[in-house]
Amino acid sequence: MPTAQPSTLTFYSFPLSGHAHRVALMLSLLDVPHRKVDVDLRGGEHKRPA
C-alpha cells in the first residue's frame, strides 16, 4: 500500500508566547514537518489582509 507524502504544517507563532513555544517543542519532538511563521501581534500583522 503506497504511503502519502507528509504535508508540511504551517505554524503561526508569536515569539513571546509560551503556548507557541510549547507547540513548537512538541512538533520538534514528534518530528512533524512544519514551517514556522512569526507574526508581529504588537504591530497588528494579524489584522492585515493576507
Protein backbone atom coordinates (compact mmCIF):
# COMPACT_ATOMS: atom_id res chain seq x y z
CA MET A 1 0.00 0.00 0.00
CA PRO A 2 1.57 3.36 -1.01
CA THR A 3 2.07 5.92 1.69
CA ALA A 4 1.15 9.54 1.16
CA GLN A 5 3.80 12.22 1.34
CA PRO A 6 3.53 14.07 4.65
CA SER A 7 2.29 17.61 4.14
CA THR A 8 4.10 20.43 5.83
CA LEU A 9 2.13 22.11 8.59
CA THR A 10 2.26 25.91 8.75
CA PHE A 11 2.61 27.08 12.34
CA TYR A 12 1.96 30.77 13.04
CA SER A 13 3.74 31.94 16.16
CA PHE A 14 4.39 34.97 18.34
CA PRO A 15 7.94 34.80 19.74
CA LEU A 16 6.93 35.84 23.29
CA SER A 17 4.11 33.30 23.55
CA GLY A 18 4.71 30.43 25.95
CA HIS A 19 1.94 28.42 24.30
CA ALA A 20 3.51 28.83 20.87
CA HIS A 21 6.81 27.65 22.33
CA ARG A 22 5.12 24.50 23.66
CA VAL A 23 3.61 23.76 20.25
CA ALA A 24 6.98 24.26 18.54
CA LEU A 25 8.65 21.96 21.06
CA MET A 26 6.04 19.22 20.59
CA LEU A 27 6.27 19.43 16.79
CA SER A 28 10.04 19.13 17.05
CA LEU A 29 9.93 16.18 19.47
CA LEU A 30 7.44 14.32 17.26
CA ASP A 31 9.43 15.09 14.09
CA VAL A 32 6.38 16.64 12.44
CA PRO A 33 7.41 18.53 9.30
CA HIS A 34 6.39 22.14 9.80
CA ARG A 35 7.10 25.70 8.73
CA LYS A 36 7.15 28.35 11.47
CA VAL A 37 5.93 31.84 10.60
CA ASP A 38 6.44 34.54 13.22
CA VAL A 39 3.58 37.06 13.45
CA ASP A 40 4.06 40.54 14.92
CA LEU A 41 0.95 40.84 17.08
CA ARG A 42 2.03 44.17 18.60
CA GLY A 43 2.42 45.63 15.11
CA GLY A 44 -1.04 44.42 14.07
CA GLU A 45 0.24 42.00 11.46
CA HIS A 46 -2.58 39.57 12.27
CA LYS A 47 -5.16 42.18 11.24
CA ARG A 48 -3.69 42.88 7.80
CA PRO A 49 -5.05 41.16 4.68
CA ALA A 50 -3.19 38.03 3.67
